[in-house]
Amino acid sequence: MSGRRAAMKAVDWLAFGERVPPNQKTMFNALKTRSDALSSRLTSLPEKPPTIDWSYYRKVIMKPGMVDEFQKKYEALKIPEPVDTQKDKINAQEQEADKSAQTYAQASKERISKYEKELAKFNSMVPFDQMTIEDLNDAFPETKLDKEKYPFWPHKPINEL
């Protein structure tokens, strides 16, 4: 049991609490309270169960062989610990989440560099209140009017009136 207690992972509740959204704080607090209650109950239990004084029961119980039979059955009783069948799936999901987080971080760094270049472009151009139409067309070519497609802009042709 001591090996299992030493192997139990401690939860960093401060780091966990920082990642909890505000609308789930009550659920987080309930989880922490329940976890603390369970861990305190577990630590209050002894490492090994109290030993049974079989000699005392042999003296007190009159039926011969009954205590020996109970002792054999008690010592033969082995309660198996549950086998962790989900650990591999959880580890695979964790590795997948790490990979997706790394790819997202890399894509974010690329977006940040692209946005920094755009910001540098905006900071270096002529202020809008001092800009002419030619400066606007140079800075933002997508706003330039297509004279072939719209030759009469901003006026409508006379035959359409």
N, C-alpha and C. Protein backbone atom coordinates (compact mmCIF):
# COMPACT_ATOMS: atom_id res chain seq x y z
N MET A 1 0.83 -1.20 0.00
CA MET A 1 0.00 0.00 0.00
C MET A 1 0.86 1.25 0.00
N SER A 2 2.02 1.18 0.71
CA SER A 2 2.86 2.37 0.77
C SER A 2 3.41 2.72 -0.60
N GLY A 3 3.69 1.68 -1.41
CA GLY A 3 4.16 1.93 -2.77
C GLY A 3 3.10 2.62 -3.60
N ARG A 4 1.85 2.22 -3.38
CA ARG A 4 0.77 2.85 -4.14
C ARG A 4 0.58 4.29 -3.68
N ARG A 5 0.71 4.53 -2.39
CA ARG A 5 0.53 5.91 -1.90
C ARG A 5 1.64 6.80 -2.41
N ALA A 6 2.85 6.27 -2.46
CA ALA A 6 3.96 7.07 -2.96
C ALA A 6 3.80 7.33 -4.45
N ALA A 7 3.16 6.40 -5.14
CA ALA A 7 3.01 6.54 -6.58
C ALA A 7 1.84 7.44 -6.97
N MET A 8 0.99 7.77 -5.98
CA MET A 8 -0.15 8.63 -6.31
C MET A 8 0.36 10.00 -6.74
N LYS A 9 -0.24 10.52 -7.77
CA LYS A 9 0.20 11.82 -8.28
C LYS A 9 -0.50 12.93 -7.51
N ALA A 10 0.27 13.93 -7.15
CA ALA A 10 -0.31 15.08 -6.49
C ALA A 10 -0.81 16.04 -7.57
N VAL A 11 -1.96 16.61 -7.33
CA VAL A 11 -2.57 17.53 -8.30
C VAL A 11 -2.14 18.94 -7.94
N ASP A 12 -1.66 19.67 -8.91
CA ASP A 12 -1.31 21.07 -8.71
C ASP A 12 -2.59 21.89 -8.88
N TRP A 13 -3.27 22.12 -7.76
CA TRP A 13 -4.58 22.75 -7.81
C TRP A 13 -4.50 24.20 -8.26
N LEU A 14 -3.40 24.89 -7.97
CA LEU A 14 -3.28 26.29 -8.41
C LEU A 14 -3.20 26.38 -9.93
N ALA A 15 -2.36 25.53 -10.52
CA ALA A 15 -2.25 25.54 -11.98
C ALA A 15 -3.55 25.07 -12.62
N PHE A 16 -4.19 24.09 -12.00
CA PHE A 16 -5.47 23.59 -12.50
C PHE A 16 -6.52 24.69 -12.42
N GLY A 17 -6.55 25.42 -11.31
CA GLY A 17 -7.53 26.49 -11.12
C GLY A 17 -7.36 27.64 -12.08
N GLU A 18 -6.12 27.90 -12.51
CA GLU A 18 -5.89 28.99 -13.46
C GLU A 18 -6.48 28.68 -14.83
N ARG A 19 -6.61 27.40 -15.15
CA ARG A 19 -7.10 27.00 -16.47
C ARG A 19 -8.61 26.77 -16.50
N VAL A 20 -9.26 26.90 -15.36
CA VAL A 20 -10.70 26.66 -15.30
C VAL A 20 -11.44 27.93 -15.71
N PRO A 21 -12.39 27.82 -16.65
CA PRO A 21 -13.16 29.01 -17.05
C PRO A 21 -14.00 29.52 -15.88
N PRO A 22 -14.33 30.80 -15.88
CA PRO A 22 -15.09 31.38 -14.76
C PRO A 22 -16.45 30.73 -14.55
N ASN A 23 -17.09 30.27 -15.62
CA ASN A 23 -18.42 29.68 -15.46
C ASN A 23 -18.37 28.28 -14.87
N GLN A 24 -17.17 27.70 -14.71
CA GLN A 24 -17.04 26.36 -14.15
C GLN A 24 -16.30 26.36 -12.81
N LYS A 25 -16.16 27.52 -12.19
CA LYS A 25 -15.45 27.61 -10.91
C LYS A 25 -16.15 26.83 -9.82
N THR A 26 -17.49 26.84 -9.79
CA THR A 26 -18.21 26.13 -8.73
C THR A 26 -17.99 24.62 -8.88
N MET A 27 -18.01 24.11 -10.11
CA MET A 27 -17.75 22.69 -10.32
C MET A 27 -16.31 22.34 -9.92
N PHE A 28 -15.37 23.24 -10.23
CA PHE A 28 -13.98 23.02 -9.86
C PHE A 28 -13.83 22.97 -8.35
N ASN A 29 -14.47 23.91 -7.64
CA ASN A 29 -14.38 23.93 -6.18
C ASN A 29 -14.99 22.67 -5.58
N ALA A 30 -16.10 22.19 -6.15
CA ALA A 30 -16.72 20.95 -5.66
C ALA A 30 -15.79 19.77 -5.89
N LEU A 31 -15.13 19.72 -7.04
CA LEU A 31 -14.19 18.64 -7.33
C LEU A 31 -13.02 18.67 -6.36
N LYS A 32 -12.49 19.86 -6.09
CA LYS A 32 -11.35 19.98 -5.18
C LYS A 32 -11.75 19.57 -3.77
N THR A 33 -12.93 19.98 -3.33
CA THR A 33 -13.40 19.62 -1.99
C THR A 33 -13.56 18.11 -1.87
N ARG A 34 -14.16 17.51 -2.88
CA ARG A 34 -14.35 16.05 -2.84
C ARG A 34 -13.02 15.32 -2.89
N SER A 35 -12.10 15.79 -3.71
CA SER A 35 -10.78 15.16 -3.80
C SER A 35 -10.03 15.28 -2.48
N ASP A 36 -10.10 16.45 -1.85
CA ASP A 36 -9.43 16.63 -0.56
C ASP A 36 -10.03 15.72 0.50
N ALA A 37 -11.37 15.57 0.49
CA ALA A 37 -12.02 14.70 1.47
C ALA A 37 -11.60 13.25 1.26
N LEU A 38 -11.57 12.80 0.01
CA LEU A 38 -11.18 11.42 -0.27
C LEU A 38 -9.72 11.17 0.07
N SER A 39 -8.85 12.11 -0.25
CA SER A 39 -7.43 11.90 0.05
C SER A 39 -7.18 11.93 1.56
N SER A 40 -7.92 12.75 2.30
CA SER A 40 -7.74 12.76 3.76
C SER A 40 -8.26 11.45 4.37
N ARG A 41 -9.36 10.92 3.82
CA ARG A 41 -9.85 9.62 4.30
C ARG A 41 -8.85 8.52 3.98
N LEU A 42 -8.23 8.57 2.81
CA LEU A 42 -7.27 7.55 2.43
C LEU A 42 -6.02 7.62 3.31
N THR A 43 -5.55 8.82 3.60
CA THR A 43 -4.35 8.93 4.44
C THR A 43 -4.63 8.57 5.90
N SER A 44 -5.89 8.65 6.34
CA SER A 44 -6.20 8.28 7.72
C SER A 44 -6.20 6.78 7.92
N LEU A 45 -6.31 6.00 6.84
CA LEU A 45 -6.31 4.55 6.96
C LEU A 45 -4.89 4.05 7.21
N PRO A 46 -4.76 2.95 7.95
CA PRO A 46 -3.41 2.40 8.18
C PRO A 46 -2.86 1.77 6.91
N GLU A 47 -1.53 1.63 6.87
CA GLU A 47 -0.89 1.03 5.71
C GLU A 47 -1.33 -0.41 5.51
N LYS A 48 -1.37 -1.17 6.61
CA LYS A 48 -1.78 -2.57 6.55
C LYS A 48 -2.98 -2.76 7.46
N PRO A 49 -3.85 -3.68 7.14
CA PRO A 49 -4.98 -3.93 8.04
C PRO A 49 -4.49 -4.53 9.36
N PRO A 50 -5.24 -4.33 10.42
CA PRO A 50 -4.80 -4.89 11.70
C PRO A 50 -4.73 -6.42 11.62
N THR A 51 -3.74 -6.98 12.29
CA THR A 51 -3.57 -8.43 12.27
C THR A 51 -4.61 -9.09 13.17
N ILE A 52 -5.00 -10.28 12.79
CA ILE A 52 -6.00 -11.03 13.55
C ILE A 52 -5.27 -11.97 14.50
N ASP A 53 -5.68 -11.95 15.75
CA ASP A 53 -5.08 -12.83 16.76
C ASP A 53 -5.82 -14.17 16.72
N TRP A 54 -5.32 -15.06 15.89
CA TRP A 54 -5.99 -16.35 15.70
C TRP A 54 -5.93 -17.21 16.96
N SER A 55 -4.87 -17.07 17.74
CA SER A 55 -4.77 -17.88 18.97
C SER A 55 -5.87 -17.52 19.96
N TYR A 56 -6.22 -16.26 20.03
CA TYR A 56 -7.31 -15.85 20.91
C TYR A 56 -8.62 -16.51 20.50
N TYR A 57 -8.89 -16.51 19.18
CA TYR A 57 -10.14 -17.10 18.70
C TYR A 57 -10.15 -18.63 18.88
N ARG A 58 -8.97 -19.26 18.81
CA ARG A 58 -8.91 -20.71 19.05
C ARG A 58 -9.30 -21.04 20.50
N LYS A 59 -8.92 -20.16 21.42
CA LYS A 59 -9.24 -20.38 22.83
C LYS A 59 -10.72 -20.14 23.10
N VAL A 60 -11.29 -19.11 22.44
CA VAL A 60 -12.65 -18.69 22.75
C VAL A 60 -13.69 -19.56 22.05
N ILE A 61 -13.47 -19.92 20.80
CA ILE A 61 -14.46 -20.67 20.03
C ILE A 61 -14.32 -22.16 20.35
N MET A 62 -15.44 -22.78 20.66
CA MET A 62 -15.43 -24.17 21.13
C MET A 62 -15.39 -25.19 19.99
N LYS A 63 -15.89 -24.85 18.84
CA LYS A 63 -15.96 -25.82 17.74
C LYS A 63 -14.55 -26.04 17.17
N PRO A 64 -14.04 -27.25 17.23
CA PRO A 64 -12.67 -27.50 16.76
C PRO A 64 -12.57 -27.40 15.23
N GLY A 65 -11.49 -26.81 14.78
CA GLY A 65 -11.24 -26.70 13.34
C GLY A 65 -11.89 -25.50 12.67
N MET A 66 -12.82 -24.87 13.33
CA MET A 66 -13.53 -23.73 12.71
C MET A 66 -12.59 -22.55 12.51
N VAL A 67 -11.78 -22.23 13.49
CA VAL A 67 -10.86 -21.09 13.39
C VAL A 67 -9.78 -21.38 12.35
N ASP A 68 -9.30 -22.65 12.33
CA ASP A 68 -8.29 -23.00 11.32
C ASP A 68 -8.85 -22.87 9.91
N GLU A 69 -10.10 -23.27 9.75
CA GLU A 69 -10.75 -23.15 8.44
C GLU A 69 -10.89 -21.69 8.03
N PHE A 70 -11.31 -20.84 9.00
CA PHE A 70 -11.44 -19.41 8.71
C PHE A 70 -10.07 -18.80 8.40
N GLN A 71 -9.04 -19.24 9.13
CA GLN A 71 -7.71 -18.69 8.91
C GLN A 71 -7.21 -19.06 7.52
N LYS A 72 -7.41 -20.32 7.09
CA LYS A 72 -7.01 -20.73 5.75
C LYS A 72 -7.72 -19.91 4.68
N LYS A 73 -9.03 -19.76 4.86
CA LYS A 73 -9.80 -18.99 3.88
C LYS A 73 -9.38 -17.52 3.86
N TYR A 74 -9.10 -16.98 5.04
CA TYR A 74 -8.71 -15.57 5.13
C TYR A 74 -7.35 -15.34 4.45
N GLU A 75 -6.42 -16.24 4.70
CA GLU A 75 -5.09 -16.09 4.11
C GLU A 75 -5.09 -16.41 2.62
N ALA A 76 -6.02 -17.24 2.18
CA ALA A 76 -6.11 -17.56 0.75
C ALA A 76 -6.82 -16.46 -0.03
N LEU A 77 -7.53 -15.63 0.69
CA LEU A 77 -8.29 -14.56 0.03
C LEU A 77 -7.34 -13.50 -0.52
N LYS A 78 -7.38 -13.31 -1.79
CA LYS A 78 -6.59 -12.27 -2.45
C LYS A 78 -7.55 -11.41 -3.26
N ILE A 79 -7.62 -10.17 -2.91
CA ILE A 79 -8.49 -9.25 -3.63
C ILE A 79 -7.64 -8.60 -4.72
N PRO A 80 -7.97 -8.86 -5.96
CA PRO A 80 -7.14 -8.31 -7.04
C PRO A 80 -7.37 -6.80 -7.18
N GLU A 81 -6.27 -6.14 -7.46
CA GLU A 81 -6.38 -4.71 -7.74
C GLU A 81 -6.84 -4.54 -9.17
N PRO A 82 -7.65 -3.54 -9.41
CA PRO A 82 -8.15 -3.36 -10.78
C PRO A 82 -6.99 -3.07 -11.74
N VAL A 83 -7.09 -3.63 -12.91
CA VAL A 83 -6.08 -3.44 -13.94
C VAL A 83 -6.42 -2.18 -14.73
N ASP A 84 -5.41 -1.37 -14.93
CA ASP A 84 -5.62 -0.12 -15.68
C ASP A 84 -5.65 -0.43 -17.16
N THR A 85 -6.86 -0.41 -17.73
CA THR A 85 -7.01 -0.72 -19.15
C THR A 85 -7.04 0.53 -20.02
N GLN A 86 -7.14 1.67 -19.42
CA GLN A 86 -7.30 2.91 -20.19
C GLN A 86 -6.01 3.72 -20.27
N LYS A 87 -4.96 3.27 -19.61
CA LYS A 87 -3.73 4.06 -19.56
C LYS A 87 -3.13 4.28 -20.94
N ASP A 88 -3.12 3.23 -21.77
CA ASP A 88 -2.55 3.37 -23.11
C ASP A 88 -3.35 4.36 -23.96
N LYS A 89 -4.68 4.30 -23.84
CA LYS A 89 -5.52 5.23 -24.60
C LYS A 89 -5.28 6.67 -24.13
N ILE A 90 -5.17 6.83 -22.82
CA ILE A 90 -4.95 8.17 -22.27
C ILE A 90 -3.59 8.71 -22.71
N ASN A 91 -2.56 7.86 -22.67
CA ASN A 91 -1.24 8.29 -23.12
C ASN A 91 -1.24 8.64 -24.61
N ALA A 92 -1.97 7.86 -25.41
CA ALA A 92 -2.06 8.16 -26.84
C ALA A 92 -2.77 9.49 -27.07
N GLN A 93 -3.85 9.72 -26.31
CA GLN A 93 -4.56 10.99 -26.44
C GLN A 93 -3.67 12.15 -25.99
N GLU A 94 -2.88 11.92 -24.95
CA GLU A 94 -1.99 12.97 -24.47
C GLU A 94 -0.93 13.31 -25.51
N GLN A 95 -0.35 12.27 -26.14
CA GLN A 95 0.64 12.52 -27.19
C GLN A 95 0.02 13.23 -28.38
N GLU A 96 -1.19 12.83 -28.74
CA GLU A 96 -1.89 13.49 -29.84
C GLU A 96 -2.18 14.94 -29.50
N ALA A 97 -2.59 15.20 -28.27
CA ALA A 97 -2.86 16.57 -27.85
C ALA A 97 -1.58 17.40 -27.84
N ASP A 98 -0.46 16.79 -27.43
CA ASP A 98 0.82 17.50 -27.46
C ASP A 98 1.21 17.85 -28.89
N LYS A 99 1.02 16.91 -29.81
CA LYS A 99 1.35 17.18 -31.22
C LYS A 99 0.48 18.30 -31.78
N SER A 100 -0.83 18.23 -31.50
CA SER A 100 -1.72 19.27 -32.03
C SER A 100 -1.40 20.62 -31.39
N ALA A 101 -1.00 20.61 -30.12
CA ALA A 101 -0.64 21.87 -29.47
C ALA A 101 0.63 22.45 -30.08
N GLN A 102 1.58 21.58 -30.39
CA GLN A 102 2.82 22.06 -31.01
C GLN A 102 2.56 22.60 -32.41
N THR A 103 1.72 21.92 -33.18
CA THR A 103 1.42 22.43 -34.52
C THR A 103 0.65 23.74 -34.44
N TYR A 104 -0.25 23.84 -33.46
CA TYR A 104 -0.99 25.09 -33.28
C TYR A 104 -0.05 26.22 -32.88
N ALA A 105 0.89 25.92 -31.98
CA ALA A 105 1.84 26.95 -31.55
C ALA A 105 2.71 27.39 -32.73
N GLN A 106 3.14 26.43 -33.55
CA GLN A 106 3.94 26.78 -34.72
C GLN A 106 3.14 27.63 -35.70
N ALA A 107 1.89 27.25 -35.95
CA ALA A 107 1.05 28.03 -36.85
C ALA A 107 0.79 29.42 -36.27
N SER A 108 0.65 29.49 -34.96
CA SER A 108 0.43 30.79 -34.32
C SER A 108 1.66 31.68 -34.48
N LYS A 109 2.85 31.10 -34.35
CA LYS A 109 4.07 31.89 -34.53
C LYS A 109 4.15 32.42 -35.96
N GLU A 110 3.76 31.59 -36.93
CA GLU A 110 3.77 32.03 -38.32
C GLU A 110 2.76 33.16 -38.54
N ARG A 111 1.56 33.02 -37.94
CA ARG A 111 0.55 34.08 -38.06
C ARG A 111 1.05 35.36 -37.40
N ILE A 112 1.70 35.23 -36.26
CA ILE A 112 2.21 36.41 -35.56
C ILE A 112 3.23 37.13 -36.42
N SER A 113 4.15 36.39 -37.04
CA SER A 113 5.16 37.04 -37.89
C SER A 113 4.49 37.73 -39.09
N LYS A 114 3.45 37.07 -39.66
CA LYS A 114 2.73 37.68 -40.78
C LYS A 114 2.04 38.97 -40.33
N TYR A 115 1.41 38.93 -39.15
CA TYR A 115 0.71 40.12 -38.65
C TYR A 115 1.69 41.23 -38.27
N GLU A 116 2.87 40.86 -37.79
CA GLU A 116 3.87 41.88 -37.47
C GLU A 116 4.35 42.58 -38.74
N LYS A 117 4.47 41.82 -39.84
CA LYS A 117 4.85 42.45 -41.12
C LYS A 117 3.75 43.41 -41.59
N GLU A 118 2.49 42.96 -41.44
CA GLU A 118 1.37 43.84 -41.82
C GLU A 118 1.36 45.10 -40.96
N LEU A 119 1.60 44.93 -39.67
CA LEU A 119 1.61 46.07 -38.77
C LEU A 119 2.74 47.03 -39.13
N ALA A 120 3.90 46.49 -39.48
CA ALA A 120 5.01 47.35 -39.90
C ALA A 120 4.63 48.12 -41.17
N LYS A 121 3.90 47.44 -42.08
CA LYS A 121 3.45 48.12 -43.31
C LYS A 121 2.50 49.26 -42.97
N PHE A 122 1.56 49.01 -42.05
CA PHE A 122 0.61 50.05 -41.67
C PHE A 122 1.29 51.20 -40.93
N ASN A 123 2.28 50.89 -40.13
CA ASN A 123 2.99 51.94 -39.40
C ASN A 123 3.85 52.80 -40.32
N SER A 124 4.33 52.22 -41.43
CA SER A 124 5.21 52.96 -42.33
C SER A 124 4.47 53.75 -43.41
N MET A 125 3.18 53.50 -43.59
CA MET A 125 2.48 54.20 -44.67
C MET A 125 2.00 55.58 -44.22
N VAL A 126 1.60 56.36 -45.20
CA VAL A 126 1.13 57.73 -44.96
C VAL A 126 -0.16 57.67 -44.13
N PRO A 127 -0.33 58.55 -43.14
CA PRO A 127 -1.58 58.54 -42.36
C PRO A 127 -2.80 58.75 -43.27
N PHE A 128 -3.92 58.17 -42.90
CA PHE A 128 -5.11 58.21 -43.76
C PHE A 128 -5.60 59.63 -44.01
N ASP A 129 -5.51 60.50 -43.03
CA ASP A 129 -6.02 61.85 -43.23
C ASP A 129 -5.14 62.66 -44.18
N GLN A 130 -3.93 62.18 -44.48
CA GLN A 130 -3.04 62.87 -45.41
C GLN A 130 -2.89 62.11 -46.73
N MET A 131 -3.64 61.06 -46.89
CA MET A 131 -3.49 60.18 -48.04
C MET A 131 -4.29 60.69 -49.25
N THR A 132 -3.72 60.54 -50.43
CA THR A 132 -4.42 60.85 -51.67
C THR A 132 -4.97 59.55 -52.24
N ILE A 133 -5.76 59.64 -53.31
CA ILE A 133 -6.32 58.45 -53.95
C ILE A 133 -5.19 57.57 -54.49
N GLU A 134 -4.15 58.18 -55.04
CA GLU A 134 -3.03 57.41 -55.56
C GLU A 134 -2.30 56.67 -54.44
N ASP A 135 -2.12 57.37 -53.28
CA ASP A 135 -1.48 56.70 -52.14
C ASP A 135 -2.34 55.54 -51.64
N LEU A 136 -3.66 55.73 -51.64
CA LEU A 136 -4.58 54.66 -51.22
C LEU A 136 -4.48 53.47 -52.17
N ASN A 137 -4.46 53.76 -53.47
CA ASN A 137 -4.36 52.67 -54.45
C ASN A 137 -3.02 51.95 -54.37
N ASP A 138 -1.96 52.70 -54.04
CA ASP A 138 -0.65 52.06 -53.88
C ASP A 138 -0.62 51.18 -52.62
N ALA A 139 -1.20 51.68 -51.52
CA ALA A 139 -1.17 50.94 -50.26
C ALA A 139 -2.13 49.76 -50.29
N PHE A 140 -3.30 49.95 -50.89
CA PHE A 140 -4.32 48.90 -50.95
C PHE A 140 -4.78 48.72 -52.39
N PRO A 141 -4.09 47.90 -53.17
CA PRO A 141 -4.44 47.75 -54.58
C PRO A 141 -5.82 47.13 -54.81
N GLU A 142 -6.36 46.44 -53.83
CA GLU A 142 -7.69 45.84 -54.01
C GLU A 142 -8.80 46.89 -54.03
N THR A 143 -8.50 48.12 -53.59
CA THR A 143 -9.52 49.18 -53.60
C THR A 143 -9.50 49.99 -54.89
N LYS A 144 -8.53 49.73 -55.75
CA LYS A 144 -8.42 50.50 -57.00
C LYS A 144 -9.61 50.17 -57.90
N LEU A 145 -10.18 51.20 -58.50
CA LEU A 145 -11.34 51.03 -59.37
C LEU A 145 -10.91 50.46 -60.71
N ASP A 146 -11.74 49.57 -61.21
CA ASP A 146 -11.50 48.96 -62.51
C ASP A 146 -12.23 49.79 -63.57
N LYS A 147 -11.49 50.63 -64.29
CA LYS A 147 -12.09 51.54 -65.26
C LYS A 147 -12.67 50.77 -66.46
N GLU A 148 -12.13 49.61 -66.77
CA GLU A 148 -12.66 48.85 -67.90
C GLU A 148 -14.00 48.21 -67.53
N LYS A 149 -14.10 47.72 -66.30
CA LYS A 149 -15.34 47.08 -65.87
C LYS A 149 -16.41 48.11 -65.53
N TYR A 150 -15.99 49.18 -64.89
CA TYR A 150 -16.92 50.25 -64.51
C TYR A 150 -16.42 51.58 -65.09
N PRO A 151 -16.64 51.84 -66.38
CA PRO A 151 -16.06 53.03 -67.01
C PRO A 151 -16.72 54.34 -66.58
N PHE A 152 -17.98 54.29 -66.13
CA PHE A 152 -18.67 55.54 -65.81
C PHE A 152 -18.74 55.81 -64.31
N TRP A 153 -18.04 55.01 -63.51
CA TRP A 153 -18.12 55.21 -62.07
C TRP A 153 -17.60 56.56 -61.71
N PRO A 154 -18.16 57.29 -60.82
CA PRO A 154 -19.29 57.03 -59.93
C PRO A 154 -20.63 57.44 -60.56
N HIS A 155 -20.65 57.77 -61.84
CA HIS A 155 -21.89 58.19 -62.48
C HIS A 155 -22.44 57.06 -63.33
N LYS A 156 -23.74 57.08 -63.49
CA LYS A 156 -24.38 56.10 -64.36
C LYS A 156 -24.39 56.67 -65.78
N PRO A 157 -24.32 55.80 -66.76
CA PRO A 157 -24.42 56.30 -68.13
C PRO A 157 -25.79 56.94 -68.37
N ILE A 158 -25.86 57.84 -69.34
CA ILE A 158 -27.09 58.59 -69.60
C ILE A 158 -28.22 57.66 -70.03
N ASN A 159 -27.91 56.64 -70.78
CA ASN A 159 -28.98 55.75 -71.24
C ASN A 159 -29.61 54.92 -70.13
N GLU A 160 -28.95 54.81 -68.95
CA GLU A 160 -29.52 54.07 -67.82
C GLU A 160 -30.37 54.94 -66.92
N LEU A 161 -30.39 56.23 -67.11
CA LEU A 161 -31.17 57.11 -66.24
C LEU A 161 -32.59 57.08 -66.54
